[in-house]
Amino acid sequence: MSVTLTDNAAKKLSELIAEENNPNLKLRIFVSGGGCSGFQYGFTFDENQDDTDIMVEKDGVKVLVDAVSINHLRGSEIDFVEDLNGAQFQIKNPNAASTCGCGNSFTPAEGGGCASAKPS
């Protein structure tokens, strides 16, 4: 199982790509060290796909995840949410033991957490 996109996420990504006027753009999602929980999510647009990237497509929108990051993201759902906190992409990650208040930082299930961590 790879990652999945909700209908809301696919729709918003389609809008953002249309605004950029570049149909070759793909959303790249990655995990890097940092954040208050040890790992953090990153998002960027990319025209290039590496041979080792995992690609997920929904409604014509393509998402790339590199071979290292997929180990932390496998089974995750990418959603786009608009609420009182604003509008943002959210990752519902079954591999995260905890997340910090920002929602962009997580502790893997096999690691420890930070004092401000909350269950995901």
PDB file of N, CA and C in Angstrom:
ATOM      1  N   MET A   1       0.841  -1.176   0.000  1.00  0.00           N
ATOM      2  CA  MET A   1       0.000   0.000   0.000  1.00  0.00           C
ATOM      3  C   MET A   1       0.887   1.240   0.000  1.00  0.00           C
ATOM      4  N   SER A   2       0.528   2.194  -0.799  1.00  0.00           N
ATOM      5  CA  SER A   2       1.289   3.435  -0.919  1.00  0.00           C
ATOM      6  C   SER A   2       0.557   4.530  -0.158  1.00  0.00           C
ATOM      7  N   VAL A   3       0.500   5.718  -0.696  1.00  0.00           N
ATOM      8  CA  VAL A   3      -0.273   6.806  -0.111  1.00  0.00           C
ATOM      9  C   VAL A   3      -1.523   7.016  -0.960  1.00  0.00           C
ATOM     10  N   THR A   4      -2.544   7.614  -0.363  1.00  0.00           N
ATOM     11  CA  THR A   4      -3.770   7.914  -1.100  1.00  0.00           C
ATOM     12  C   THR A   4      -4.092   9.395  -0.962  1.00  0.00           C
ATOM     13  N   LEU A   5      -4.815   9.906  -1.939  1.00  0.00           N
ATOM     14  CA  LEU A   5      -5.295  11.284  -1.937  1.00  0.00           C
ATOM     15  C   LEU A   5      -6.798  11.284  -1.764  1.00  0.00           C
ATOM     16  N   THR A   6      -7.299  12.191  -0.934  1.00  0.00           N
ATOM     17  CA  THR A   6      -8.740  12.364  -0.842  1.00  0.00           C
ATOM     18  C   THR A   6      -9.207  13.167  -2.047  1.00  0.00           C
ATOM     19  N   ASP A   7     -10.516  13.178  -2.266  1.00  0.00           N
ATOM     20  CA  ASP A   7     -11.077  13.989  -3.346  1.00  0.00           C
ATOM     21  C   ASP A   7     -10.737  15.462  -3.146  1.00  0.00           C
ATOM     22  N   ASN A   8     -10.823  15.949  -1.890  1.00  0.00           N
ATOM     23  CA  ASN A   8     -10.505  17.359  -1.602  1.00  0.00           C
ATOM     24  C   ASN A   8      -9.057  17.683  -1.959  1.00  0.00           C
ATOM     25  N   ALA A   9      -8.133  16.797  -1.619  1.00  0.00           N
ATOM     26  CA  ALA A   9      -6.719  17.032  -1.912  1.00  0.00           C
ATOM     27  C   ALA A   9      -6.479  17.044  -3.417  1.00  0.00           C
ATOM     28  N   ALA A  10      -7.061  16.108  -4.133  1.00  0.00           N
ATOM     29  CA  ALA A  10      -6.884  16.053  -5.590  1.00  0.00           C
ATOM     30  C   ALA A  10      -7.448  17.303  -6.253  1.00  0.00           C
ATOM     31  N   LYS A  11      -8.602  17.750  -5.793  1.00  0.00           N
ATOM     32  CA  LYS A  11      -9.225  18.949  -6.366  1.00  0.00           C
ATOM     33  C   LYS A  11      -8.350  20.172  -6.120  1.00  0.00           C
ATOM     34  N   LYS A  12      -7.867  20.345  -4.881  1.00  0.00           N
ATOM     35  CA  LYS A  12      -7.043  21.512  -4.561  1.00  0.00           C
ATOM     36  C   LYS A  12      -5.727  21.481  -5.335  1.00  0.00           C
ATOM     37  N   LEU A  13      -5.098  20.314  -5.421  1.00  0.00           N
ATOM     38  CA  LEU A  13      -3.855  20.200  -6.184  1.00  0.00           C
ATOM     39  C   LEU A  13      -4.081  20.537  -7.654  1.00  0.00           C
ATOM     40  N   SER A  14      -5.187  20.085  -8.199  1.00  0.00           N
ATOM     41  CA  SER A  14      -5.516  20.400  -9.595  1.00  0.00           C
ATOM     42  C   SER A  14      -5.638  21.910  -9.782  1.00  0.00           C
ATOM     43  N   GLU A  15      -6.278  22.591  -8.835  1.00  0.00           N
ATOM     44  CA  GLU A  15      -6.413  24.052  -8.892  1.00  0.00           C
ATOM     45  C   GLU A  15      -5.051  24.735  -8.819  1.00  0.00           C
ATOM     46  N   LEU A  16      -4.193  24.295  -7.900  1.00  0.00           N
ATOM     47  CA  LEU A  16      -2.871  24.900  -7.735  1.00  0.00           C
ATOM     48  C   LEU A  16      -1.995  24.709  -8.971  1.00  0.00           C
ATOM     49  N   ILE A  17      -2.065  23.524  -9.550  1.00  0.00           N
ATOM     50  CA  ILE A  17      -1.284  23.252 -10.764  1.00  0.00           C
ATOM     51  C   ILE A  17      -1.803  24.104 -11.920  1.00  0.00           C
ATOM     52  N   ALA A  18      -3.120  24.260 -12.015  1.00  0.00           N
ATOM     53  CA  ALA A  18      -3.693  25.109 -13.072  1.00  0.00           C
ATOM     54  C   ALA A  18      -3.243  26.563 -12.902  1.00  0.00           C
ATOM     55  N   GLU A  19      -3.172  27.038 -11.655  1.00  0.00           N
ATOM     56  CA  GLU A  19      -2.705  28.406 -11.384  1.00  0.00           C
ATOM     57  C   GLU A  19      -1.260  28.609 -11.833  1.00  0.00           C
ATOM     58  N   GLU A  20      -0.448  27.564 -11.720  1.00  0.00           N
ATOM     59  CA  GLU A  20       0.960  27.630 -12.129  1.00  0.00           C
ATOM     60  C   GLU A  20       1.110  27.534 -13.641  1.00  0.00           C
ATOM     61  N   ASN A  21       0.036  27.152 -14.326  1.00  0.00           N
ATOM     62  CA  ASN A  21       0.036  27.036 -15.781  1.00  0.00           C
ATOM     63  C   ASN A  21       1.135  26.097 -16.281  1.00  0.00           C
ATOM     64  N   ASN A  22       1.330  25.003 -15.546  1.00  0.00           N
ATOM     65  CA  ASN A  22       2.341  24.016 -15.928  1.00  0.00           C
ATOM     66  C   ASN A  22       1.780  22.614 -15.646  1.00  0.00           C
ATOM     67  N   PRO A  23       1.186  21.971 -16.636  1.00  0.00           N
ATOM     68  CA  PRO A  23       0.563  20.665 -16.419  1.00  0.00           C
ATOM     69  C   PRO A  23       1.565  19.554 -16.081  1.00  0.00           C
ATOM     70  N   ASN A  24       2.869  19.828 -16.195  1.00  0.00           N
ATOM     71  CA  ASN A  24       3.879  18.815 -15.875  1.00  0.00           C
ATOM     72  C   ASN A  24       4.209  18.753 -14.385  1.00  0.00           C
ATOM     73  N   LEU A  25       3.641  19.667 -13.593  1.00  0.00           N
ATOM     74  CA  LEU A  25       3.952  19.678 -12.165  1.00  0.00           C
ATOM     75  C   LEU A  25       3.309  18.504 -11.446  1.00  0.00           C
ATOM     76  N   LYS A  26       4.061  17.993 -10.496  1.00  0.00           N
ATOM     77  CA  LYS A  26       3.597  16.929  -9.613  1.00  0.00           C
ATOM     78  C   LYS A  26       3.892  17.386  -8.192  1.00  0.00           C
ATOM     79  N   LEU A  27       3.082  16.964  -7.235  1.00  0.00           N
ATOM     80  CA  LEU A  27       3.357  17.279  -5.843  1.00  0.00           C
ATOM     81  C   LEU A  27       4.332  16.252  -5.296  1.00  0.00           C
ATOM     82  N   ARG A  28       5.438  16.725  -4.749  1.00  0.00           N
ATOM     83  CA  ARG A  28       6.400  15.841  -4.098  1.00  0.00           C
ATOM     84  C   ARG A  28       6.207  15.975  -2.593  1.00  0.00           C
ATOM     85  N   ILE A  29       5.981  14.847  -1.938  1.00  0.00           N
ATOM     86  CA  ILE A  29       5.857  14.800  -0.475  1.00  0.00           C
ATOM     87  C   ILE A  29       7.066  14.053   0.044  1.00  0.00           C
ATOM     88  N   PHE A  30       7.700  14.623   1.070  1.00  0.00           N
ATOM     89  CA  PHE A  30       8.883  13.970   1.618  1.00  0.00           C
ATOM     90  C   PHE A  30       8.918  14.112   3.126  1.00  0.00           C
ATOM     91  N   VAL A  31       9.741  13.296   3.729  1.00  0.00           N
ATOM     92  CA  VAL A  31       9.958  13.315   5.169  1.00  0.00           C
ATOM     93  C   VAL A  31      11.419  13.653   5.397  1.00  0.00           C
ATOM     94  N   SER A  32      11.664  14.569   6.334  1.00  0.00           N
ATOM     95  CA  SER A  32      13.039  14.922   6.678  1.00  0.00           C
ATOM     96  C   SER A  32      13.168  14.999   8.192  1.00  0.00           C
ATOM     97  N   GLY A  33      14.393  14.906   8.672  1.00  0.00           N
ATOM     98  CA  GLY A  33      14.642  15.041  10.097  1.00  0.00           C
ATOM     99  C   GLY A  33      14.362  16.454  10.541  1.00  0.00           C
ATOM    100  N   GLY A  34      13.818  16.599  11.751  1.00  0.00           N
ATOM    101  CA  GLY A  34      13.542  17.928  12.286  1.00  0.00           C
ATOM    102  C   GLY A  34      12.175  17.992  12.907  1.00  0.00           C
ATOM    103  N   GLY A  35      11.775  19.195  13.267  1.00  0.00           N
ATOM    104  CA  GLY A  35      10.488  19.358  13.931  1.00  0.00           C
ATOM    105  C   GLY A  35      10.579  18.913  15.377  1.00  0.00           C
ATOM    106  N   CYS A  36       9.575  19.212  16.147  1.00  0.00           N
ATOM    107  CA  CYS A  36       9.627  18.914  17.583  1.00  0.00           C
ATOM    108  C   CYS A  36       9.456  17.432  17.886  1.00  0.00           C
ATOM    109  N   SER A  37       9.016  16.636  16.915  1.00  0.00           N
ATOM    110  CA  SER A  37       8.825  15.204  17.156  1.00  0.00           C
ATOM    111  C   SER A  37       9.873  14.330  16.485  1.00  0.00           C
ATOM    112  N   GLY A  38      10.828  14.924  15.802  1.00  0.00           N
ATOM    113  CA  GLY A  38      11.902  14.134  15.198  1.00  0.00           C
ATOM    114  C   GLY A  38      11.881  14.093  13.689  1.00  0.00           C
ATOM    115  N   PHE A  39      10.690  14.068  13.088  1.00  0.00           N
ATOM    116  CA  PHE A  39      10.551  14.064  11.634  1.00  0.00           C
ATOM    117  C   PHE A  39       9.509  15.091  11.251  1.00  0.00           C
ATOM    118  N   GLN A  40       9.656  15.646  10.040  1.00  0.00           N
ATOM    119  CA  GLN A  40       8.660  16.597   9.560  1.00  0.00           C
ATOM    120  C   GLN A  40       8.337  16.317   8.101  1.00  0.00           C
ATOM    121  N   TYR A  41       7.116  16.697   7.720  1.00  0.00           N
ATOM    122  CA  TYR A  41       6.666  16.539   6.349  1.00  0.00           C
ATOM    123  C   TYR A  41       7.081  17.750   5.529  1.00  0.00           C
ATOM    124  N   GLY A  42       7.343  17.512   4.250  1.00  0.00           N
ATOM    125  CA  GLY A  42       7.631  18.591   3.323  1.00  0.00           C
ATOM    126  C   GLY A  42       6.824  18.407   2.053  1.00  0.00           C
ATOM    127  N   PHE A  43       6.463  19.520   1.438  1.00  0.00           N
ATOM    128  CA  PHE A  43       5.696  19.521   0.197  1.00  0.00           C
ATOM    129  C   PHE A  43       6.365  20.477  -0.771  1.00  0.00           C
ATOM    130  N   THR A  44       6.499  20.083  -2.016  1.00  0.00           N
ATOM    131  CA  THR A  44       7.012  20.961  -3.054  1.00  0.00           C
ATOM    132  C   THR A  44       6.486  20.474  -4.402  1.00  0.00           C
ATOM    133  N   PHE A  45       6.430  21.375  -5.366  1.00  0.00           N
ATOM    134  CA  PHE A  45       6.085  20.961  -6.716  1.00  0.00           C
ATOM    135  C   PHE A  45       7.359  20.581  -7.451  1.00  0.00           C
ATOM    136  N   ASP A  46       7.264  19.575  -8.317  1.00  0.00           N
ATOM    137  CA  ASP A  46       8.410  19.071  -9.046  1.00  0.00           C
ATOM    138  C   ASP A  46       7.942  18.625 -10.427  1.00  0.00           C
ATOM    139  N   GLU A  47       8.743  18.919 -11.437  1.00  0.00           N
ATOM    140  CA  GLU A  47       8.438  18.445 -12.790  1.00  0.00           C
ATOM    141  C   GLU A  47       9.072  17.091 -13.067  1.00  0.00           C
ATOM    142  N   ASN A  48      10.090  16.739 -12.285  1.00  0.00           N
ATOM    143  CA  ASN A  48      10.878  15.540 -12.560  1.00  0.00           C
ATOM    144  C   ASN A  48      10.526  14.395 -11.630  1.00  0.00           C
ATOM    145  N   GLN A  49      10.515  13.213 -12.198  1.00  0.00           N
ATOM    146  CA  GLN A  49      10.291  12.000 -11.432  1.00  0.00           C
ATOM    147  C   GLN A  49      11.553  11.151 -11.503  1.00  0.00           C
ATOM    148  N   ASP A  50      12.095  10.800 -10.337  1.00  0.00           N
ATOM    149  CA  ASP A  50      13.257   9.921 -10.284  1.00  0.00           C
ATOM    150  C   ASP A  50      12.821   8.473 -10.490  1.00  0.00           C
ATOM    151  N   ASP A  51      13.754   7.640 -10.925  1.00  0.00           N
ATOM    152  CA  ASP A  51      13.448   6.228 -11.172  1.00  0.00           C
ATOM    153  C   ASP A  51      12.961   5.509  -9.924  1.00  0.00           C
ATOM    154  N   THR A  52      13.400   5.955  -8.747  1.00  0.00           N
ATOM    155  CA  THR A  52      13.036   5.272  -7.502  1.00  0.00           C
ATOM    156  C   THR A  52      11.806   5.879  -6.821  1.00  0.00           C
ATOM    157  N   ASP A  53      11.227   6.945  -7.395  1.00  0.00           N
ATOM    158  CA  ASP A  53      10.036   7.561  -6.807  1.00  0.00           C
ATOM    159  C   ASP A  53       8.828   6.649  -6.926  1.00  0.00           C
ATOM    160  N   ILE A  54       7.982   6.715  -5.925  1.00  0.00           N
ATOM    161  CA  ILE A  54       6.666   6.090  -5.989  1.00  0.00           C
ATOM    162  C   ILE A  54       5.721   7.176  -6.479  1.00  0.00           C
ATOM    163  N   MET A  55       4.890   6.860  -7.468  1.00  0.00           N
ATOM    164  CA  MET A  55       3.940   7.848  -7.974  1.00  0.00           C
ATOM    165  C   MET A  55       2.524   7.373  -7.730  1.00  0.00           C
ATOM    166  N   VAL A  56       1.708   8.282  -7.213  1.00  0.00           N
ATOM    167  CA  VAL A  56       0.294   8.020  -7.001  1.00  0.00           C
ATOM    168  C   VAL A  56      -0.471   9.027  -7.854  1.00  0.00           C
ATOM    169  N   GLU A  57      -1.514   8.572  -8.520  1.00  0.00           N
ATOM    170  CA  GLU A  57      -2.287   9.464  -9.373  1.00  0.00           C
ATOM    171  C   GLU A  57      -3.762   9.355  -9.030  1.00  0.00           C
ATOM    172  N   LYS A  58      -4.420  10.509  -8.952  1.00  0.00           N
ATOM    173  CA  LYS A  58      -5.865  10.538  -8.739  1.00  0.00           C
ATOM    174  C   LYS A  58      -6.430  11.716  -9.510  1.00  0.00           C
ATOM    175  N   ASP A  59      -7.415  11.458 -10.326  1.00  0.00           N
ATOM    176  CA  ASP A  59      -8.096  12.500 -11.110  1.00  0.00           C
ATOM    177  C   ASP A  59      -7.107  13.355 -11.893  1.00  0.00           C
ATOM    178  N   GLY A  60      -6.067  12.733 -12.429  1.00  0.00           N
ATOM    179  CA  GLY A  60      -5.085  13.440 -13.240  1.00  0.00           C
ATOM    180  C   GLY A  60      -3.988  14.139 -12.457  1.00  0.00           C
ATOM    181  N   VAL A  61      -4.075  14.145 -11.133  1.00  0.00           N
ATOM    182  CA  VAL A  61      -3.063  14.770 -10.279  1.00  0.00           C
ATOM    183  C   VAL A  61      -2.060  13.697  -9.866  1.00  0.00           C
ATOM    184  N   LYS A  62      -0.778  14.038  -9.955  1.00  0.00           N
ATOM    185  CA  LYS A  62       0.270  13.074  -9.627  1.00  0.00           C
ATOM    186  C   LYS A  62       1.029  13.520  -8.383  1.00  0.00           C
ATOM    187  N   VAL A  63       1.275  12.557  -7.491  1.00  0.00           N
ATOM    188  CA  VAL A  63       2.034  12.790  -6.263  1.00  0.00           C
ATOM    189  C   VAL A  63       3.238  11.867  -6.276  1.00  0.00           C
ATOM    190  N   LEU A  64       4.400  12.433  -5.951  1.00  0.00           N
ATOM    191  CA  LEU A  64       5.644  11.665  -5.890  1.00  0.00           C
ATOM    192  C   LEU A  64       6.121  11.536  -4.452  1.00  0.00           C
ATOM    193  N   VAL A  65       6.628  10.362  -4.117  1.00  0.00           N
ATOM    194  CA  VAL A  65       7.255  10.126  -2.811  1.00  0.00           C
ATOM    195  C   VAL A  65       8.549   9.381  -3.080  1.00  0.00           C
ATOM    196  N   ASP A  66       9.653   9.896  -2.520  1.00  0.00           N
ATOM    197  CA  ASP A  66      10.941   9.238  -2.749  1.00  0.00           C
ATOM    198  C   ASP A  66      11.010   7.911  -1.990  1.00  0.00           C
ATOM    199  N   ALA A  67      11.973   7.089  -2.375  1.00  0.00           N
ATOM    200  CA  ALA A  67      12.085   5.724  -1.850  1.00  0.00           C
ATOM    201  C   ALA A  67      12.344   5.685  -0.344  1.00  0.00           C
ATOM    202  N   VAL A  68      13.009   6.681   0.218  1.00  0.00           N
ATOM    203  CA  VAL A  68      13.269   6.706   1.656  1.00  0.00           C
ATOM    204  C   VAL A  68      12.023   7.166   2.414  1.00  0.00           C
ATOM    205  N   SER A  69      11.382   8.222   1.924  1.00  0.00           N
ATOM    206  CA  SER A  69      10.212   8.777   2.613  1.00  0.00           C
ATOM    207  C   SER A  69       9.032   7.820   2.622  1.00  0.00           C
ATOM    208  N   ILE A  70       8.902   6.988   1.596  1.00  0.00           N
ATOM    209  CA  ILE A  70       7.749   6.082   1.539  1.00  0.00           C
ATOM    210  C   ILE A  70       7.734   5.143   2.739  1.00  0.00           C
ATOM    211  N   ASN A  71       8.906   4.842   3.309  1.00  0.00           N
ATOM    212  CA  ASN A  71       8.939   3.990   4.502  1.00  0.00           C
ATOM    213  C   ASN A  71       8.200   4.614   5.672  1.00  0.00           C
ATOM    214  N   HIS A  72       8.173   5.943   5.744  1.00  0.00           N
ATOM    215  CA  HIS A  72       7.470   6.644   6.818  1.00  0.00           C
ATOM    216  C   HIS A  72       6.041   7.015   6.438  1.00  0.00           C
ATOM    217  N   LEU A  73       5.731   6.994   5.144  1.00  0.00           N
ATOM    218  CA  LEU A  73       4.426   7.454   4.670  1.00  0.00           C
ATOM    219  C   LEU A  73       3.507   6.348   4.184  1.00  0.00           C
ATOM    220  N   ARG A  74       3.995   5.139   4.100  1.00  0.00           N
ATOM    221  CA  ARG A  74       3.192   4.031   3.561  1.00  0.00           C
ATOM    222  C   ARG A  74       1.857   3.918   4.313  1.00  0.00           C
ATOM    223  N   GLY A  75       0.772   3.914   3.548  1.00  0.00           N
ATOM    224  CA  GLY A  75      -0.567   3.806   4.130  1.00  0.00           C
ATOM    225  C   GLY A  75      -1.177   5.139   4.521  1.00  0.00           C
ATOM    226  N   SER A  76      -0.458   6.240   4.297  1.00  0.00           N
ATOM    227  CA  SER A  76      -0.958   7.558   4.686  1.00  0.00           C
ATOM    228  C   SER A  76      -2.014   8.079   3.712  1.00  0.00           C
ATOM    229  N   GLU A  77      -2.869   8.934   4.238  1.00  0.00           N
ATOM    230  CA  GLU A  77      -3.879   9.611   3.434  1.00  0.00           C
ATOM    231  C   GLU A  77      -3.571  11.100   3.431  1.00  0.00           C
ATOM    232  N   ILE A  78      -3.527  11.687   2.239  1.00  0.00           N
ATOM    233  CA  ILE A  78      -3.284  13.116   2.086  1.00  0.00           C
ATOM    234  C   ILE A  78      -4.631  13.793   1.861  1.00  0.00           C
ATOM    235  N   ASP A  79      -4.940  14.763   2.713  1.00  0.00           N
ATOM    236  CA  ASP A  79      -6.216  15.461   2.639  1.00  0.00           C
ATOM    237  C   ASP A  79      -5.966  16.966   2.573  1.00  0.00           C
ATOM    238  N   PHE A  80      -6.943  17.706   2.093  1.00  0.00           N
ATOM    239  CA  PHE A  80      -6.904  19.162   2.133  1.00  0.00           C
ATOM    240  C   PHE A  80      -8.074  19.603   2.983  1.00  0.00           C
ATOM    241  N   VAL A  81      -7.772  20.390   4.028  1.00  0.00           N
ATOM    242  CA  VAL A  81      -8.780  20.770   5.009  1.00  0.00           C
ATOM    243  C   VAL A  81      -8.828  22.285   5.142  1.00  0.00           C
ATOM    244  N   GLU A  82     -10.029  22.813   5.175  1.00  0.00           N
ATOM    245  CA  GLU A  82     -10.245  24.229   5.464  1.00  0.00           C
ATOM    246  C   GLU A  82     -11.087  24.307   6.731  1.00  0.00           C
ATOM    247  N   ASP A  83     -10.513  24.934   7.784  1.00  0.00           N
ATOM    248  CA  ASP A  83     -11.226  25.070   9.042  1.00  0.00           C
ATOM    249  C   ASP A  83     -10.818  26.368   9.725  1.00  0.00           C
ATOM    250  N   LEU A  84     -11.111  26.508  11.002  1.00  0.00           N
ATOM    251  CA  LEU A  84     -10.791  27.738  11.735  1.00  0.00           C
ATOM    252  C   LEU A  84      -9.292  28.018  11.779  1.00  0.00           C
ATOM    253  N   ASN A  85      -8.475  26.986  11.635  1.00  0.00           N
ATOM    254  CA  ASN A  85      -7.022  27.147  11.640  1.00  0.00           C
ATOM    255  C   ASN A  85      -6.469  27.554  10.279  1.00  0.00           C
ATOM    256  N   GLY A  86      -7.309  27.603   9.268  1.00  0.00           N
ATOM    257  CA  GLY A  86      -6.873  27.955   7.927  1.00  0.00           C
ATOM    258  C   GLY A  86      -7.057  26.805   6.967  1.00  0.00           C
ATOM    259  N   ALA A  87      -6.400  26.913   5.830  1.00  0.00           N
ATOM    260  CA  ALA A  87      -6.474  25.889   4.794  1.00  0.00           C
ATOM    261  C   ALA A  87      -5.100  25.252   4.657  1.00  0.00           C
ATOM    262  N   GLN A  88      -5.069  23.908   4.675  1.00  0.00           N
ATOM    263  CA  GLN A  88      -3.778  23.238   4.591  1.00  0.00           C
ATOM    264  C   GLN A  88      -3.946  21.774   4.175  1.00  0.00           C
ATOM    265  N   PHE A  89      -2.849  21.237   3.642  1.00  0.00           N
ATOM    266  CA  PHE A  89      -2.807  19.806   3.392  1.00  0.00           C
ATOM    267  C   PHE A  89      -2.465  19.116   4.703  1.00  0.00           C
ATOM    268  N   GLN A  90      -3.119  18.010   4.972  1.00  0.00           N
ATOM    269  CA  GLN A  90      -2.865  17.235   6.174  1.00  0.00           C
ATOM    270  C   GLN A  90      -2.544  15.803   5.789  1.00  0.00           C
ATOM    271  N   ILE A  91      -1.642  15.217   6.552  1.00  0.00           N
ATOM    272  CA  ILE A  91      -1.288  13.818   6.338  1.00  0.00           C
ATOM    273  C   ILE A  91      -1.788  13.008   7.520  1.00  0.00           C
ATOM    274  N   LYS A  92      -2.635  12.031   7.230  1.00  0.00           N
ATOM    275  CA  LYS A  92      -3.097  11.090   8.246  1.00  0.00           C
ATOM    276  C   LYS A  92      -2.205   9.868   8.108  1.00  0.00           C
ATOM    277  N   ASN A  93      -1.253   9.754   9.037  1.00  0.00           N
ATOM    278  CA  ASN A  93      -0.183   8.782   8.911  1.00  0.00           C
ATOM    279  C   ASN A  93      -0.317   7.665   9.945  1.00  0.00           C
ATOM    280  N   PRO A  94      -0.605   6.438   9.507  1.00  0.00           N
ATOM    281  CA  PRO A  94      -0.731   5.331  10.460  1.00  0.00           C
ATOM    282  C   PRO A  94       0.609   4.919  11.060  1.00  0.00           C
ATOM    283  N   ASN A  95       1.710   5.424  10.525  1.00  0.00           N
ATOM    284  CA  ASN A  95       3.043   5.091  11.026  1.00  0.00           C
ATOM    285  C   ASN A  95       3.507   6.036  12.119  1.00  0.00           C
ATOM    286  N   ALA A  96       2.722   7.065  12.423  1.00  0.00           N
ATOM    287  CA  ALA A  96       3.106   8.046  13.432  1.00  0.00           C
ATOM    288  C   ALA A  96       2.554   7.634  14.788  1.00  0.00           C
ATOM    289  N   ALA A  97       3.452   7.512  15.762  1.00  0.00           N
ATOM    290  CA  ALA A  97       3.026   7.209  17.127  1.00  0.00           C
ATOM    291  C   ALA A  97       2.440   8.453  17.775  1.00  0.00           C
ATOM    292  N   SER A  98       2.953   9.631  17.385  1.00  0.00           N
ATOM    293  CA  SER A  98       2.448  10.893  17.919  1.00  0.00           C
ATOM    294  C   SER A  98       2.800  12.009  16.953  1.00  0.00           C
ATOM    295  N   THR A  99       2.071  13.108  17.092  1.00  0.00           N
ATOM    296  CA  THR A  99       2.365  14.322  16.336  1.00  0.00           C
ATOM    297  C   THR A  99       2.396  15.483  17.314  1.00  0.00           C
ATOM    298  N   CYS A 100       3.079  16.528  16.952  1.00  0.00           N
ATOM    299  CA  CYS A 100       3.085  17.726  17.795  1.00  0.00           C
ATOM    300  C   CYS A 100       1.992  18.674  17.324  1.00  0.00           C
ATOM    301  N   GLY A 101       1.758  19.714  18.084  1.00  0.00           N
ATOM    302  CA  GLY A 101       0.657  20.627  17.831  1.00  0.00           C
ATOM    303  C   GLY A 101       0.625  21.219  16.439  1.00  0.00           C
ATOM    304  N   CYS A 102       1.778  21.366  15.809  1.00  0.00           N
ATOM    305  CA  CYS A 102       1.812  21.965  14.473  1.00  0.00           C
ATOM    306  C   CYS A 102       1.186  21.051  13.426  1.00  0.00           C
ATOM    307  N   GLY A 103       1.165  19.744  13.680  1.00  0.00           N
ATOM    308  CA  GLY A 103       0.611  18.799  12.726  1.00  0.00           C
ATOM    309  C   GLY A 103       1.532  18.468  11.578  1.00  0.00           C
ATOM    310  N   ASN A 104       2.691  19.122  11.506  1.00  0.00           N
ATOM    311  CA  ASN A 104       3.644  18.872  10.430  1.00  0.00           C
ATOM    312  C   ASN A 104       4.850  18.093  10.909  1.00  0.00           C
ATOM    313  N   SER A 105       4.851  17.686  12.159  1.00  0.00           N
ATOM    314  CA  SER A 105       5.968  16.970  12.752  1.00  0.00           C
ATOM    315  C   SER A 105       5.419  15.719  13.417  1.00  0.00           C
ATOM    316  N   PHE A 106       6.180  14.620  13.327  1.00  0.00           N
ATOM    317  CA  PHE A 106       5.676  13.377  13.897  1.00  0.00           C
ATOM    318  C   PHE A 106       6.801  12.527  14.449  1.00  0.00           C
ATOM    319  N   THR A 107       6.434  11.614  15.321  1.00  0.00           N
ATOM    320  CA  THR A 107       7.341  10.610  15.853  1.00  0.00           C
ATOM    321  C   THR A 107       6.919   9.270  15.263  1.00  0.00           C
ATOM    322  N   PRO A 108       7.840   8.544  14.634  1.00  0.00           N
ATOM    323  CA  PRO A 108       7.488   7.224  14.102  1.00  0.00           C
ATOM    324  C   PRO A 108       7.078   6.283  15.226  1.00  0.00           C
ATOM    325  N   ALA A 109       6.270   5.301  14.910  1.00  0.00           N
ATOM    326  CA  ALA A 109       5.764   4.365  15.907  1.00  0.00           C
ATOM    327  C   ALA A 109       6.874   3.678  16.678  1.00  0.00           C
ATOM    328  N   GLU A 110       8.065   3.504  16.070  1.00  0.00           N
ATOM    329  CA  GLU A 110       9.153   2.812  16.756  1.00  0.00           C
ATOM    330  C   GLU A 110      10.033   3.743  17.575  1.00  0.00           C
ATOM    331  N   GLY A 111       9.718   5.081  17.616  1.00  0.00           N
ATOM    332  CA  GLY A 111      10.571   6.030  18.325  1.00  0.00           C
ATOM    333  C   GLY A 111       9.890   6.652  19.521  1.00  0.00           C
ATOM    334  N   GLY A 112      10.565   7.616  20.156  1.00  0.00           N
ATOM    335  CA  GLY A 112      10.028   8.333  21.300  1.00  0.00           C
ATOM    336  C   GLY A 112       9.263   9.555  20.844  1.00  0.00           C
ATOM    337  N   GLY A 113       8.925  10.447  21.766  1.00  0.00           N
ATOM    338  CA  GLY A 113       8.154  11.638  21.440  1.00  0.00           C
ATOM    339  C   GLY A 113       8.693  12.854  22.155  1.00  0.00           C
ATOM    340  N   CYS A 114       8.000  13.973  22.003  1.00  0.00           N
ATOM    341  CA  CYS A 114       8.374  15.180  22.708  1.00  0.00           C
ATOM    342  C   CYS A 114       7.301  15.518  23.721  1.00  0.00           C
ATOM    343  N   ALA A 115       7.607  16.380  24.636  1.00  0.00           N
ATOM    344  CA  ALA A 115       6.677  16.679  25.729  1.00  0.00           C
ATOM    345  C   ALA A 115       5.340  17.220  25.238  1.00  0.00           C
ATOM    346  N   SER A 116       5.345  17.903  24.114  1.00  0.00           N
ATOM    347  CA  SER A 116       4.088  18.490  23.623  1.00  0.00           C
ATOM    348  C   SER A 116       3.365  17.580  22.622  1.00  0.00           C
ATOM    349  N   ALA A 117       3.826  16.357  22.488  1.00  0.00           N
ATOM    350  CA  ALA A 117       3.219  15.441  21.510  1.00  0.00           C
ATOM    351  C   ALA A 117       1.828  15.049  21.950  1.00  0.00           C
ATOM    352  N   LYS A 118       0.966  14.810  20.975  1.00  0.00           N
ATOM    353  CA  LYS A 118      -0.375  14.320  21.239  1.00  0.00           C
ATOM    354  C   LYS A 118      -0.622  13.119  20.355  1.00  0.00           C
ATOM    355  N   PRO A 119      -1.494  12.210  20.741  1.00  0.00           N
ATOM    356  CA  PRO A 119      -1.761  11.050  19.895  1.00  0.00           C
ATOM    357  C   PRO A 119      -2.332  11.478  18.553  1.00  0.00           C
ATOM    358  N   SER A 120      -2.015  10.714  17.527  1.00  0.00           N
ATOM    359  CA  SER A 120      -2.537  11.051  16.196  1.00  0.00           C
ATOM    360  C   SER A 120      -3.916  10.468  15.995  1.00  0.00           C
TER     361      SER A 120
END
